[in-house]
Structures are given as C-alpha cells and as structure tokens.
Amino acid sequence: MPYVGRDQYYEEPLAQPSAMWTDMYELTMAQALFLDGRHNQQATFQAFVRKVPFGAAYMISAGQNIIHEWLDKNWKFTDRDLHRLSEETVVHPTTGETVKVYTPEFLEFLKNAKLEISLEAMPEGELAFAGEPVFKVTGPVWQAMLVETAILNAMNSQSLIATLASIIKTAA
C-alpha cells in the first residue's frame, strides 16, 4: 500500500533510510560548498564524549550497526529525496520572492554522488569515557558533514539506551 505524504504517493514510507538522514542545514551548507567549488576538500570530523549520561563513570558505545548498514546499503539520494529537495523554497530576504533553495546543478550532483568517506568508530559495546574519541569520519567535506550528523543521531540515542541498561543491570 503506498504511503501518502506531501501531496504525493510513495511506494515506501518516508522513514526509509537514504542520504537524507541528516538535517537541512547540512544540505544547505553542502550546496554552498558545491557552488563555491570547495565541496571536495578533504575534512575530518571527530566526535568524543563530553559528559557521560546519568552521572555514570562511563558510556556504552552503541549504534554502529545502524550506521554501518545505512552507509553500506542506503547512502544514496533517491528520486523521492531529490524531488523533495527540488520543492524546498524560502523567501528571499531582500525581494520577498519565494525562491528554490537547491539549484538544479546541485541536485544533479547529489543524484550522481558516490560515498567517498572513511569511518573509524569505537566497537559496539565498548566503554567510552569523557574526552575519549568515539568516531572519526574523513572524506570530502560535504559528505563528512552529512554523515557526521547521522552518526551523532544514531550513536547518541543508542548509546544512551545501552548505558541506561548497563546501569540498571548493575543496580539490580
């Protein structure tokens, strides 16, 4: 049964994994870098634990399986994604006109994009401590930005759940 959303019928639910597991800010920044010709500059983003949750002494690293599957099987911009992006508009600050956010050239670039990043991550289930790196993503800056956002979302939520489970188990 098709999913109905945004005045269109889709064969799959909107939650289907794609390269859109990021936020619009990162996509807008990627376009700015693309238009400036700096999108393929190499960059490295590293995340670390600032403060472990629940006042614990550690955090359990989790969510890497979700990220691995997403990068391996689902990191691409689908036709649905590109259509959605092509419909995004904003009001121009000086003219007041409604304008498209993403250029056709950038959308074509996304359509043909191949993932070119490398990822190093702490193994699933490892203890992480404040100040300790949990993952490092390296590659073209536009891709590293998009992937970093998804990694943070997946690992933050999954690590939080795993850490709470560990604390409850220890307390029990």
N, C-alpha and C. Protein backbone atom coordinates (compact mmCIF):
# COMPACT_ATOMS: atom_id res chain seq x y z
N MET A 1 0.85 -1.18 0.00
CA MET A 1 0.00 0.00 0.00
C MET A 1 0.89 1.24 0.00
N PRO A 2 0.66 2.17 -0.92
CA PRO A 2 1.51 3.35 -0.98
C PRO A 2 1.33 4.25 0.23
N TYR A 3 2.38 4.95 0.55
CA TYR A 3 2.37 5.93 1.64
C TYR A 3 1.96 7.27 1.04
N VAL A 4 1.07 7.99 1.72
CA VAL A 4 0.64 9.31 1.26
C VAL A 4 1.36 10.35 2.09
N GLY A 5 2.01 11.27 1.44
CA GLY A 5 2.70 12.33 2.16
C GLY A 5 3.08 13.44 1.21
N ARG A 6 3.02 14.64 1.68
CA ARG A 6 3.40 15.84 0.93
C ARG A 6 2.76 15.86 -0.46
N ASP A 7 1.47 15.57 -0.49
CA ASP A 7 0.67 15.60 -1.72
C ASP A 7 1.15 14.62 -2.79
N GLN A 8 1.83 13.55 -2.38
CA GLN A 8 2.31 12.57 -3.34
C GLN A 8 2.13 11.17 -2.76
N TYR A 9 2.07 10.21 -3.65
CA TYR A 9 2.06 8.80 -3.23
C TYR A 9 3.46 8.25 -3.39
N TYR A 10 3.91 7.57 -2.35
CA TYR A 10 5.23 6.96 -2.38
C TYR A 10 5.08 5.46 -2.16
N GLU A 11 5.94 4.71 -2.78
CA GLU A 11 5.92 3.26 -2.62
C GLU A 11 6.48 2.83 -1.27
N GLU A 12 7.24 3.68 -0.63
CA GLU A 12 7.87 3.34 0.64
C GLU A 12 7.59 4.44 1.66
N PRO A 13 7.68 4.14 2.94
CA PRO A 13 7.45 5.18 3.95
C PRO A 13 8.58 6.22 3.92
N LEU A 14 8.30 7.41 4.40
CA LEU A 14 9.30 8.47 4.41
C LEU A 14 10.48 8.14 5.32
N ALA A 15 10.32 7.22 6.24
CA ALA A 15 11.40 6.86 7.15
C ALA A 15 12.42 5.93 6.49
N GLN A 16 12.21 5.55 5.24
CA GLN A 16 13.16 4.69 4.54
C GLN A 16 14.54 5.34 4.56
N PRO A 17 15.57 4.60 4.95
CA PRO A 17 16.91 5.19 5.03
C PRO A 17 17.40 5.68 3.67
N SER A 18 18.05 6.81 3.68
CA SER A 18 18.68 7.37 2.49
C SER A 18 19.75 8.35 2.96
N ALA A 19 20.38 9.00 2.02
CA ALA A 19 21.38 10.01 2.39
C ALA A 19 20.74 11.21 3.09
N MET A 20 19.41 11.24 3.13
CA MET A 20 18.69 12.33 3.79
C MET A 20 18.65 12.16 5.31
N TRP A 21 19.34 11.19 5.86
CA TRP A 21 19.42 11.07 7.32
C TRP A 21 20.39 12.12 7.82
N THR A 22 20.05 13.35 7.60
CA THR A 22 20.86 14.49 8.01
C THR A 22 19.89 15.63 8.28
N ASP A 23 20.37 16.84 8.38
CA ASP A 23 19.44 17.95 8.54
C ASP A 23 19.61 18.92 7.38
N MET A 24 18.62 19.75 7.20
CA MET A 24 18.60 20.67 6.06
C MET A 24 19.76 21.66 6.12
N TYR A 25 20.19 22.01 7.32
CA TYR A 25 21.35 22.91 7.46
C TYR A 25 22.56 22.31 6.76
N GLU A 26 22.83 21.03 7.01
CA GLU A 26 23.99 20.38 6.41
C GLU A 26 23.86 20.33 4.89
N LEU A 27 22.67 20.06 4.38
CA LEU A 27 22.47 20.05 2.93
C LEU A 27 22.65 21.44 2.33
N THR A 28 22.18 22.47 3.03
CA THR A 28 22.35 23.84 2.55
C THR A 28 23.83 24.22 2.55
N MET A 29 24.55 23.80 3.60
CA MET A 29 26.00 24.05 3.65
C MET A 29 26.72 23.29 2.53
N ALA A 30 26.28 22.06 2.27
CA ALA A 30 26.89 21.27 1.18
C ALA A 30 26.71 21.99 -0.15
N GLN A 31 25.51 22.55 -0.37
CA GLN A 31 25.29 23.28 -1.62
C GLN A 31 26.18 24.53 -1.67
N ALA A 32 26.32 25.24 -0.57
CA ALA A 32 27.18 26.43 -0.56
C ALA A 32 28.62 26.05 -0.91
N LEU A 33 29.10 24.95 -0.35
CA LEU A 33 30.46 24.48 -0.67
C LEU A 33 30.55 24.07 -2.14
N PHE A 34 29.51 23.41 -2.65
CA PHE A 34 29.46 23.00 -4.05
C PHE A 34 29.52 24.21 -4.97
N LEU A 35 28.71 25.21 -4.69
CA LEU A 35 28.66 26.41 -5.53
C LEU A 35 29.96 27.19 -5.49
N ASP A 36 30.69 27.06 -4.37
CA ASP A 36 31.97 27.74 -4.21
C ASP A 36 33.15 26.89 -4.71
N GLY A 37 32.86 25.65 -5.12
CA GLY A 37 33.91 24.77 -5.62
C GLY A 37 34.77 24.15 -4.54
N ARG A 38 34.33 24.20 -3.29
CA ARG A 38 35.13 23.66 -2.18
C ARG A 38 34.55 22.37 -1.61
N HIS A 39 33.54 21.80 -2.22
CA HIS A 39 32.84 20.64 -1.68
C HIS A 39 33.70 19.39 -1.58
N ASN A 40 34.73 19.25 -2.42
CA ASN A 40 35.56 18.05 -2.38
C ASN A 40 36.83 18.20 -1.55
N GLN A 41 36.98 19.33 -0.86
CA GLN A 41 38.12 19.46 0.05
C GLN A 41 38.01 18.38 1.12
N GLN A 42 39.12 17.79 1.47
CA GLN A 42 39.13 16.73 2.47
C GLN A 42 38.99 17.33 3.87
N ALA A 43 38.20 16.65 4.69
CA ALA A 43 37.97 17.10 6.07
C ALA A 43 37.85 15.88 6.97
N THR A 44 38.13 16.09 8.23
CA THR A 44 37.96 15.04 9.24
C THR A 44 37.15 15.61 10.38
N PHE A 45 36.12 14.88 10.77
CA PHE A 45 35.31 15.24 11.92
C PHE A 45 35.47 14.12 12.95
N GLN A 46 35.69 14.52 14.17
CA GLN A 46 35.88 13.55 15.25
C GLN A 46 34.91 13.88 16.37
N ALA A 47 34.24 12.87 16.87
CA ALA A 47 33.30 13.07 17.99
C ALA A 47 33.85 12.38 19.22
N PHE A 48 33.59 12.98 20.34
CA PHE A 48 34.02 12.39 21.60
C PHE A 48 32.94 12.63 22.64
N VAL A 49 33.05 11.90 23.71
CA VAL A 49 32.08 12.02 24.80
C VAL A 49 32.48 13.21 25.66
N ARG A 50 31.60 14.20 25.76
CA ARG A 50 31.89 15.35 26.62
C ARG A 50 31.59 15.03 28.08
N LYS A 51 30.42 14.46 28.27
CA LYS A 51 29.97 14.13 29.62
C LYS A 51 29.15 12.84 29.51
N VAL A 52 29.48 11.86 30.32
CA VAL A 52 28.74 10.61 30.25
C VAL A 52 27.36 10.79 30.89
N PRO A 53 26.35 10.07 30.38
CA PRO A 53 24.98 10.27 30.87
C PRO A 53 24.73 9.66 32.25
N PHE A 54 23.68 10.12 32.88
CA PHE A 54 23.16 9.58 34.14
C PHE A 54 24.16 9.68 35.29
N GLY A 55 25.15 10.54 35.19
CA GLY A 55 26.14 10.67 36.25
C GLY A 55 27.02 9.44 36.39
N ALA A 56 27.03 8.59 35.40
CA ALA A 56 27.83 7.36 35.44
C ALA A 56 29.30 7.69 35.19
N ALA A 57 30.13 6.69 35.36
CA ALA A 57 31.56 6.86 35.10
C ALA A 57 31.91 6.52 33.66
N TYR A 58 30.96 5.97 32.91
CA TYR A 58 31.22 5.51 31.56
C TYR A 58 29.95 5.61 30.71
N MET A 59 30.13 5.41 29.42
CA MET A 59 29.03 5.29 28.49
C MET A 59 29.28 4.03 27.68
N ILE A 60 28.23 3.32 27.31
CA ILE A 60 28.37 2.16 26.42
C ILE A 60 28.20 2.66 24.98
N SER A 61 29.20 2.41 24.16
CA SER A 61 29.14 2.81 22.76
C SER A 61 28.19 1.89 22.00
N ALA A 62 27.24 2.47 21.28
CA ALA A 62 26.26 1.67 20.54
C ALA A 62 25.75 2.45 19.33
N GLY A 63 25.15 1.75 18.41
CA GLY A 63 24.57 2.35 17.22
C GLY A 63 25.41 2.16 15.97
N GLN A 64 26.60 1.60 16.11
CA GLN A 64 27.47 1.43 14.96
C GLN A 64 26.87 0.49 13.92
N ASN A 65 26.11 -0.50 14.36
CA ASN A 65 25.47 -1.42 13.40
C ASN A 65 24.48 -0.68 12.51
N ILE A 66 23.76 0.26 13.07
CA ILE A 66 22.80 1.05 12.30
C ILE A 66 23.53 1.88 11.25
N ILE A 67 24.61 2.52 11.66
CA ILE A 67 25.38 3.36 10.75
C ILE A 67 26.04 2.51 9.65
N HIS A 68 26.60 1.38 10.04
CA HIS A 68 27.25 0.52 9.05
C HIS A 68 26.26 0.09 7.97
N GLU A 69 25.09 -0.36 8.36
CA GLU A 69 24.09 -0.79 7.39
C GLU A 69 23.63 0.38 6.52
N TRP A 70 23.43 1.54 7.13
CA TRP A 70 23.00 2.71 6.38
C TRP A 70 24.04 3.10 5.33
N LEU A 71 25.31 3.17 5.73
CA LEU A 71 26.35 3.56 4.79
C LEU A 71 26.55 2.50 3.71
N ASP A 72 26.45 1.25 4.09
CA ASP A 72 26.70 0.14 3.17
C ASP A 72 25.58 -0.03 2.15
N LYS A 73 24.33 0.12 2.59
CA LYS A 73 23.20 -0.23 1.73
C LYS A 73 22.29 0.92 1.33
N ASN A 74 22.28 2.00 2.09
CA ASN A 74 21.25 3.01 1.88
C ASN A 74 21.74 4.43 1.67
N TRP A 75 23.07 4.65 1.61
CA TRP A 75 23.54 6.01 1.43
C TRP A 75 23.49 6.37 -0.05
N LYS A 76 22.38 6.95 -0.43
CA LYS A 76 22.21 7.49 -1.78
C LYS A 76 21.02 8.42 -1.73
N PHE A 77 20.99 9.34 -2.65
CA PHE A 77 19.84 10.24 -2.76
C PHE A 77 18.86 9.61 -3.73
N THR A 78 17.69 9.27 -3.23
CA THR A 78 16.68 8.62 -4.06
C THR A 78 15.96 9.67 -4.90
N ASP A 79 15.20 9.20 -5.87
CA ASP A 79 14.40 10.13 -6.68
C ASP A 79 13.44 10.91 -5.79
N ARG A 80 12.89 10.23 -4.79
CA ARG A 80 11.98 10.90 -3.86
C ARG A 80 12.71 12.01 -3.09
N ASP A 81 13.94 11.71 -2.65
CA ASP A 81 14.73 12.72 -1.94
C ASP A 81 14.98 13.93 -2.82
N LEU A 82 15.39 13.67 -4.04
CA LEU A 82 15.71 14.76 -4.97
C LEU A 82 14.47 15.58 -5.30
N HIS A 83 13.34 14.91 -5.44
CA HIS A 83 12.09 15.63 -5.69
C HIS A 83 11.76 16.54 -4.50
N ARG A 84 11.90 15.98 -3.30
CA ARG A 84 11.61 16.78 -2.10
C ARG A 84 12.51 18.00 -2.04
N LEU A 85 13.80 17.80 -2.28
CA LEU A 85 14.73 18.92 -2.24
C LEU A 85 14.42 19.95 -3.32
N SER A 86 13.99 19.47 -4.49
CA SER A 86 13.68 20.40 -5.58
C SER A 86 12.48 21.28 -5.26
N GLU A 87 11.64 20.84 -4.33
CA GLU A 87 10.44 21.60 -3.95
C GLU A 87 10.68 22.57 -2.79
N GLU A 88 11.83 22.47 -2.13
CA GLU A 88 12.12 23.35 -0.98
C GLU A 88 12.25 24.80 -1.43
N THR A 89 11.56 25.68 -0.73
CA THR A 89 11.62 27.10 -1.05
C THR A 89 11.85 27.93 0.21
N VAL A 90 12.34 29.14 -0.01
CA VAL A 90 12.49 30.13 1.06
C VAL A 90 12.07 31.48 0.50
N VAL A 91 11.84 32.42 1.37
CA VAL A 91 11.53 33.78 0.95
C VAL A 91 12.84 34.55 0.89
N HIS A 92 13.11 35.12 -0.28
CA HIS A 92 14.33 35.90 -0.47
C HIS A 92 14.30 37.09 0.49
N PRO A 93 15.39 37.33 1.25
CA PRO A 93 15.36 38.37 2.29
C PRO A 93 15.21 39.79 1.77
N THR A 94 15.65 40.08 0.55
CA THR A 94 15.55 41.45 0.07
C THR A 94 14.38 41.67 -0.89
N THR A 95 14.07 40.66 -1.71
CA THR A 95 13.00 40.85 -2.69
C THR A 95 11.64 40.38 -2.19
N GLY A 96 11.64 39.50 -1.20
CA GLY A 96 10.38 38.95 -0.70
C GLY A 96 9.81 37.86 -1.59
N GLU A 97 10.51 37.54 -2.67
CA GLU A 97 10.04 36.49 -3.58
C GLU A 97 10.33 35.11 -2.99
N THR A 98 9.48 34.14 -3.35
CA THR A 98 9.73 32.76 -2.99
C THR A 98 10.68 32.17 -4.02
N VAL A 99 11.80 31.60 -3.52
CA VAL A 99 12.82 31.04 -4.42
C VAL A 99 13.15 29.62 -3.99
N LYS A 100 13.61 28.85 -4.94
CA LYS A 100 14.04 27.47 -4.66
C LYS A 100 15.32 27.52 -3.83
N VAL A 101 15.44 26.59 -2.87
CA VAL A 101 16.63 26.52 -2.04
C VAL A 101 17.78 25.88 -2.80
N TYR A 102 17.51 24.78 -3.50
CA TYR A 102 18.56 23.99 -4.14
C TYR A 102 18.54 24.18 -5.64
N THR A 103 19.72 24.38 -6.20
CA THR A 103 19.85 24.57 -7.65
C THR A 103 19.76 23.24 -8.38
N PRO A 104 19.32 23.27 -9.64
CA PRO A 104 19.29 22.03 -10.43
C PRO A 104 20.67 21.39 -10.55
N GLU A 105 21.72 22.19 -10.63
CA GLU A 105 23.09 21.66 -10.73
C GLU A 105 23.47 20.88 -9.47
N PHE A 106 23.12 21.42 -8.33
CA PHE A 106 23.43 20.73 -7.07
C PHE A 106 22.62 19.44 -6.96
N LEU A 107 21.37 19.47 -7.34
CA LEU A 107 20.53 18.27 -7.28
C LEU A 107 21.07 17.19 -8.21
N GLU A 108 21.54 17.58 -9.38
CA GLU A 108 22.16 16.61 -10.31
C GLU A 108 23.43 16.04 -9.70
N PHE A 109 24.21 16.89 -9.03
CA PHE A 109 25.42 16.44 -8.34
C PHE A 109 25.06 15.39 -7.29
N LEU A 110 24.02 15.65 -6.49
CA LEU A 110 23.60 14.69 -5.46
C LEU A 110 23.14 13.38 -6.08
N LYS A 111 22.42 13.48 -7.19
CA LYS A 111 21.89 12.29 -7.85
C LYS A 111 23.01 11.33 -8.24
N ASN A 112 24.14 11.86 -8.65
CA ASN A 112 25.25 11.03 -9.12
C ASN A 112 26.34 10.80 -8.07
N ALA A 113 26.11 11.26 -6.84
CA ALA A 113 27.14 11.18 -5.79
C ALA A 113 27.40 9.75 -5.35
N LYS A 114 28.67 9.43 -5.18
CA LYS A 114 29.11 8.15 -4.62
C LYS A 114 29.80 8.45 -3.30
N LEU A 115 29.54 7.63 -2.32
CA LEU A 115 30.12 7.84 -0.99
C LEU A 115 31.63 7.61 -1.03
N GLU A 116 32.39 8.58 -0.52
CA GLU A 116 33.85 8.54 -0.57
C GLU A 116 34.48 8.80 0.80
N ILE A 117 33.84 8.37 1.86
CA ILE A 117 34.37 8.64 3.20
C ILE A 117 35.02 7.40 3.79
N SER A 118 35.84 7.63 4.80
CA SER A 118 36.33 6.52 5.63
C SER A 118 35.84 6.81 7.04
N LEU A 119 35.54 5.75 7.75
CA LEU A 119 34.98 5.89 9.10
C LEU A 119 35.72 4.98 10.05
N GLU A 120 36.16 5.54 11.15
CA GLU A 120 36.74 4.77 12.24
C GLU A 120 35.81 4.98 13.43
N ALA A 121 35.40 3.88 14.05
CA ALA A 121 34.49 4.01 15.18
C ALA A 121 34.88 3.04 16.28
N MET A 122 34.62 3.46 17.51
CA MET A 122 34.81 2.57 18.65
C MET A 122 33.90 1.36 18.45
N PRO A 123 34.34 0.17 18.78
CA PRO A 123 33.50 -1.01 18.61
C PRO A 123 32.21 -0.94 19.43
N GLU A 124 31.17 -1.52 18.89
CA GLU A 124 29.87 -1.61 19.57
C GLU A 124 30.06 -2.29 20.93
N GLY A 125 29.47 -1.69 21.96
CA GLY A 125 29.52 -2.28 23.30
C GLY A 125 30.72 -1.91 24.14
N GLU A 126 31.66 -1.14 23.59
CA GLU A 126 32.84 -0.72 24.34
C GLU A 126 32.48 0.38 25.33
N LEU A 127 33.25 0.46 26.38
CA LEU A 127 33.08 1.55 27.34
C LEU A 127 33.75 2.80 26.78
N ALA A 128 33.07 3.92 26.88
CA ALA A 128 33.62 5.21 26.47
C ALA A 128 33.62 6.12 27.69
N PHE A 129 34.65 6.93 27.78
CA PHE A 129 34.80 7.83 28.91
C PHE A 129 34.86 9.27 28.43
N ALA A 130 34.57 10.21 29.31
CA ALA A 130 34.59 11.63 28.95
C ALA A 130 35.92 12.00 28.30
N GLY A 131 35.85 12.70 27.20
CA GLY A 131 37.03 13.15 26.48
C GLY A 131 37.60 12.12 25.51
N GLU A 132 37.02 10.94 25.46
CA GLU A 132 37.54 9.88 24.60
C GLU A 132 36.85 9.90 23.23
N PRO A 133 37.63 9.83 22.14
CA PRO A 133 37.01 9.81 20.81
C PRO A 133 36.15 8.55 20.61
N VAL A 134 34.99 8.75 19.99
CA VAL A 134 34.07 7.64 19.73
C VAL A 134 34.08 7.29 18.25
N PHE A 135 34.21 8.29 17.38
CA PHE A 135 34.33 8.02 15.95
C PHE A 135 35.05 9.16 15.26
N LYS A 136 35.55 8.83 14.05
CA LYS A 136 36.21 9.82 13.19
C LYS A 136 35.78 9.53 11.76
N VAL A 137 35.30 10.54 11.08
CA VAL A 137 34.88 10.41 9.68
C VAL A 137 35.74 11.35 8.84
N THR A 138 36.30 10.81 7.73
CA THR A 138 37.18 11.57 6.85
C THR A 138 36.70 11.41 5.41
N GLY A 139 36.74 12.50 4.66
CA GLY A 139 36.36 12.44 3.25
C GLY A 139 36.06 13.83 2.74
N PRO A 140 35.44 13.91 1.56
CA PRO A 140 35.04 15.22 1.04
C PRO A 140 34.17 15.93 2.08
N VAL A 141 34.44 17.19 2.32
CA VAL A 141 33.79 17.91 3.42
C VAL A 141 32.27 17.82 3.36
N TRP A 142 31.69 17.89 2.17
CA TRP A 142 30.23 17.86 2.08
C TRP A 142 29.68 16.52 2.54
N GLN A 143 30.35 15.42 2.22
CA GLN A 143 29.89 14.11 2.65
C GLN A 143 30.16 13.89 4.14
N ALA A 144 31.33 14.31 4.59
CA ALA A 144 31.67 14.14 6.01
C ALA A 144 30.66 14.86 6.90
N MET A 145 30.20 16.05 6.47
CA MET A 145 29.20 16.80 7.25
C MET A 145 27.89 16.03 7.33
N LEU A 146 27.42 15.54 6.18
CA LEU A 146 26.15 14.83 6.15
C LEU A 146 26.20 13.55 6.99
N VAL A 147 27.28 12.80 6.84
CA VAL A 147 27.42 11.53 7.55
C VAL A 147 27.59 11.76 9.05
N GLU A 148 28.35 12.78 9.42
CA GLU A 148 28.57 13.06 10.84
C GLU A 148 27.24 13.28 11.57
N THR A 149 26.34 14.02 10.96
CA THR A 149 25.05 14.30 11.58
C THR A 149 24.27 13.02 11.86
N ALA A 150 24.22 12.13 10.90
CA ALA A 150 23.51 10.86 11.08
C ALA A 150 24.18 9.99 12.13
N ILE A 151 25.51 9.96 12.12
CA ILE A 151 26.23 9.16 13.11
C ILE A 151 25.93 9.67 14.52
N LEU A 152 25.98 10.97 14.70
CA LEU A 152 25.69 11.54 16.02
C LEU A 152 24.28 11.18 16.48
N ASN A 153 23.31 11.28 15.58
CA ASN A 153 21.93 10.95 15.95
C ASN A 153 21.79 9.48 16.34
N ALA A 154 22.33 8.59 15.54
CA ALA A 154 22.20 7.16 15.82
C ALA A 154 22.97 6.76 17.06
N MET A 155 24.22 7.18 17.14
CA MET A 155 25.05 6.75 18.27
C MET A 155 24.61 7.40 19.58
N ASN A 156 24.18 8.64 19.54
CA ASN A 156 23.74 9.29 20.78
C ASN A 156 22.55 8.56 21.38
N SER A 157 21.54 8.28 20.59
CA SER A 157 20.35 7.63 21.13
C SER A 157 20.64 6.19 21.55
N GLN A 158 21.34 5.45 20.71
CA GLN A 158 21.61 4.04 21.03
C GLN A 158 22.57 3.91 22.22
N SER A 159 23.55 4.79 22.31
CA SER A 159 24.48 4.75 23.45
C SER A 159 23.78 5.12 24.75
N LEU A 160 22.86 6.05 24.66
CA LEU A 160 22.08 6.43 25.85
C LEU A 160 21.28 5.24 26.37
N ILE A 161 20.61 4.53 25.47
CA ILE A 161 19.80 3.37 25.87
C ILE A 161 20.70 2.27 26.43
N ALA A 162 21.82 1.99 25.76
CA ALA A 162 22.73 0.93 26.21
C ALA A 162 23.33 1.27 27.57
N THR A 163 23.67 2.53 27.78
CA THR A 163 24.25 2.94 29.06
C THR A 163 23.23 2.80 30.18
N LEU A 164 22.01 3.23 29.94
CA LEU A 164 20.97 3.09 30.95
C LEU A 164 20.74 1.63 31.29
N ALA A 165 20.69 0.77 30.28
CA ALA A 165 20.51 -0.66 30.52
C ALA A 165 21.64 -1.22 31.37
N SER A 166 22.86 -0.79 31.10
CA SER A 166 24.01 -1.26 31.88
C SER A 166 23.92 -0.81 33.34
N ILE A 167 23.51 0.44 33.54
CA ILE A 167 23.39 0.97 34.91
C ILE A 167 22.28 0.23 35.67
N ILE A 168 21.16 0.00 35.00
CA ILE A 168 20.05 -0.72 35.66
C ILE A 168 20.47 -2.16 36.00
N LYS A 169 21.14 -2.82 35.08
CA LYS A 169 21.62 -4.19 35.32
C LYS A 169 22.57 -4.22 36.51
N THR A 170 23.49 -3.29 36.56
CA THR A 170 24.45 -3.24 37.68
C THR A 170 23.72 -2.98 39.00
N ALA A 171 22.75 -2.09 38.98
CA ALA A 171 21.99 -1.77 40.20
C ALA A 171 21.14 -2.94 40.66
N ALA A 172 20.64 -3.70 39.70
CA ALA A 172 19.79 -4.86 40.06
C ALA A 172 20.64 -5.95 40.66
